[in-house]
Amino acid sequence: MDIVQIVIIISLLSVSTIIVISGIYLIGLIKEIKVITTKANTVVDSIARPVSSISDFIIGFKNGLKVFNTFFKDKKNE
């Protein structure tokens, strides 16, 4: 074999090895990102429920005050 062919074969083998190792690393990284995303989604869901409940309470309280104010405005007009 010629020296050029040996250099090309060694280069191709090293580049192929680096690509395979990078692919395996990226697959592991994607799996880890999936786990992190699932945990973050769980945290967001656990925070969203109380915030939703609090906002519903505030909206109900605001509507209750509107009703309460309409009773007193009617009494003053009479």
C-alpha atoms as a PDB file:
ATOM      1  CA  MET A   1       0.000   0.000   0.000  1.00  0.00           C
ATOM      2  CA  ASP A   2       1.096   3.485  -0.689  1.00  0.00           C
ATOM      3  CA  ILE A   3       1.676   5.945   2.202  1.00  0.00           C
ATOM      4  CA  VAL A   4      -1.158   8.162   0.938  1.00  0.00           C
ATOM      5  CA  GLN A   5      -3.637   5.292   1.144  1.00  0.00           C
ATOM      6  CA  ILE A   6      -2.541   4.481   4.699  1.00  0.00           C
ATOM      7  CA  VAL A   7      -2.967   8.122   5.755  1.00  0.00           C
ATOM      8  CA  ILE A   8      -6.423   8.282   4.133  1.00  0.00           C
ATOM      9  CA  ILE A   9      -7.530   5.035   5.847  1.00  0.00           C
ATOM     10  CA  ILE A  10      -6.281   6.217   9.240  1.00  0.00           C
ATOM     11  CA  SER A  11      -7.984   9.596   8.751  1.00  0.00           C
ATOM     12  CA  LEU A  12     -11.278   7.984   7.748  1.00  0.00           C
ATOM     13  CA  LEU A  13     -11.154   5.600  10.701  1.00  0.00           C
ATOM     14  CA  SER A  14     -10.442   8.414  13.165  1.00  0.00           C
ATOM     15  CA  VAL A  15     -13.164  10.675  11.744  1.00  0.00           C
ATOM     16  CA  SER A  16     -15.667   7.793  11.744  1.00  0.00           C
ATOM     17  CA  THR A  17     -14.777   6.958  15.347  1.00  0.00           C
ATOM     18  CA  ILE A  18     -15.224  10.574  16.428  1.00  0.00           C
ATOM     19  CA  ILE A  19     -18.603  10.771  14.678  1.00  0.00           C
ATOM     20  CA  VAL A  20     -19.824   7.555  16.354  1.00  0.00           C
ATOM     21  CA  ILE A  21     -18.649   8.712  19.796  1.00  0.00           C
ATOM     22  CA  SER A  22     -20.296  12.108  19.271  1.00  0.00           C
ATOM     23  CA  GLY A  23     -23.547  10.418  18.249  1.00  0.00           C
ATOM     24  CA  ILE A  24     -23.570   8.227  21.350  1.00  0.00           C
ATOM     25  CA  TYR A  25     -22.877  11.286  23.520  1.00  0.00           C
ATOM     26  CA  LEU A  26     -25.700  13.245  21.868  1.00  0.00           C
ATOM     27  CA  ILE A  27     -28.153  10.380  22.379  1.00  0.00           C
ATOM     28  CA  GLY A  28     -27.289  10.332  26.094  1.00  0.00           C
ATOM     29  CA  LEU A  29     -27.618  14.099  26.263  1.00  0.00           C
ATOM     30  CA  ILE A  30     -31.038  14.020  24.610  1.00  0.00           C
ATOM     31  CA  LYS A  31     -32.228  11.376  27.083  1.00  0.00           C
ATOM     32  CA  GLU A  32     -31.015  13.527  29.977  1.00  0.00           C
ATOM     33  CA  ILE A  33     -32.773  16.589  28.558  1.00  0.00           C
ATOM     34  CA  LYS A  34     -35.983  14.548  28.331  1.00  0.00           C
ATOM     35  CA  VAL A  35     -35.728  13.615  32.018  1.00  0.00           C
ATOM     36  CA  ILE A  36     -35.016  17.226  33.012  1.00  0.00           C
ATOM     37  CA  THR A  37     -37.944  18.460  30.919  1.00  0.00           C
ATOM     38  CA  THR A  38     -40.276  15.936  32.554  1.00  0.00           C
ATOM     39  CA  LYS A  39     -39.184  17.043  36.031  1.00  0.00           C
ATOM     40  CA  ALA A  40     -39.550  20.721  35.112  1.00  0.00           C
ATOM     41  CA  ASN A  41     -43.023  20.042  33.726  1.00  0.00           C
ATOM     42  CA  THR A  42     -43.993  18.379  37.007  1.00  0.00           C
ATOM     43  CA  VAL A  43     -42.761  21.400  38.969  1.00  0.00           C
ATOM     44  CA  VAL A  44     -44.617  23.825  36.703  1.00  0.00           C
ATOM     45  CA  ASP A  45     -47.817  21.790  37.018  1.00  0.00           C
ATOM     46  CA  SER A  46     -47.529  21.746  40.811  1.00  0.00           C
ATOM     47  CA  ILE A  47     -47.087  25.537  40.839  1.00  0.00           C
ATOM     48  CA  ALA A  48     -49.829  26.193  38.281  1.00  0.00           C
ATOM     49  CA  ARG A  49     -52.614  24.593  40.325  1.00  0.00           C
ATOM     50  CA  PRO A  50     -52.289  26.863  43.403  1.00  0.00           C
ATOM     51  CA  VAL A  51     -51.783  29.957  41.244  1.00  0.00           C
ATOM     52  CA  SER A  52     -54.916  29.074  39.312  1.00  0.00           C
ATOM     53  CA  SER A  53     -56.814  28.560  42.556  1.00  0.00           C
ATOM     54  CA  ILE A  54     -55.597  31.876  43.933  1.00  0.00           C
ATOM     55  CA  SER A  55     -56.547  33.716  40.748  1.00  0.00           C
ATOM     56  CA  ASP A  56     -59.997  32.092  40.806  1.00  0.00           C
ATOM     57  CA  PHE A  57     -60.390  33.192  44.426  1.00  0.00           C
ATOM     58  CA  ILE A  58     -59.357  36.770  43.595  1.00  0.00           C
ATOM     59  CA  ILE A  59     -61.717  36.911  40.611  1.00  0.00           C
ATOM     60  CA  GLY A  60     -64.553  35.588  42.775  1.00  0.00           C
ATOM     61  CA  PHE A  61     -63.746  38.071  45.511  1.00  0.00           C
ATOM     62  CA  LYS A  62     -63.692  40.904  42.950  1.00  0.00           C
ATOM     63  CA  ASN A  63     -67.075  39.821  41.543  1.00  0.00           C
ATOM     64  CA  GLY A  64     -68.430  39.589  45.071  1.00  0.00           C
ATOM     65  CA  LEU A  65     -67.330  43.143  45.770  1.00  0.00           C
ATOM     66  CA  LYS A  66     -69.055  44.312  42.592  1.00  0.00           C
ATOM     67  CA  VAL A  67     -72.296  42.716  43.746  1.00  0.00           C
ATOM     68  CA  PHE A  68     -71.820  44.182  47.219  1.00  0.00           C
ATOM     69  CA  ASN A  69     -71.217  47.665  45.758  1.00  0.00           C
ATOM     70  CA  THR A  70     -74.314  47.443  43.558  1.00  0.00           C
ATOM     71  CA  PHE A  71     -76.462  46.853  46.653  1.00  0.00           C
ATOM     72  CA  PHE A  72     -75.060  49.932  48.383  1.00  0.00           C
ATOM     73  CA  LYS A  73     -75.297  52.106  45.261  1.00  0.00           C
ATOM     74  CA  ASP A  74     -78.974  51.151  44.924  1.00  0.00           C
ATOM     75  CA  LYS A  75     -79.591  52.044  48.580  1.00  0.00           C
ATOM     76  CA  LYS A  76     -77.959  55.485  48.161  1.00  0.00           C
ATOM     77  CA  ASN A  77     -79.991  56.278  45.041  1.00  0.00           C
ATOM     78  CA  GLU A  78     -83.278  55.531  46.741  1.00  0.00           C
END
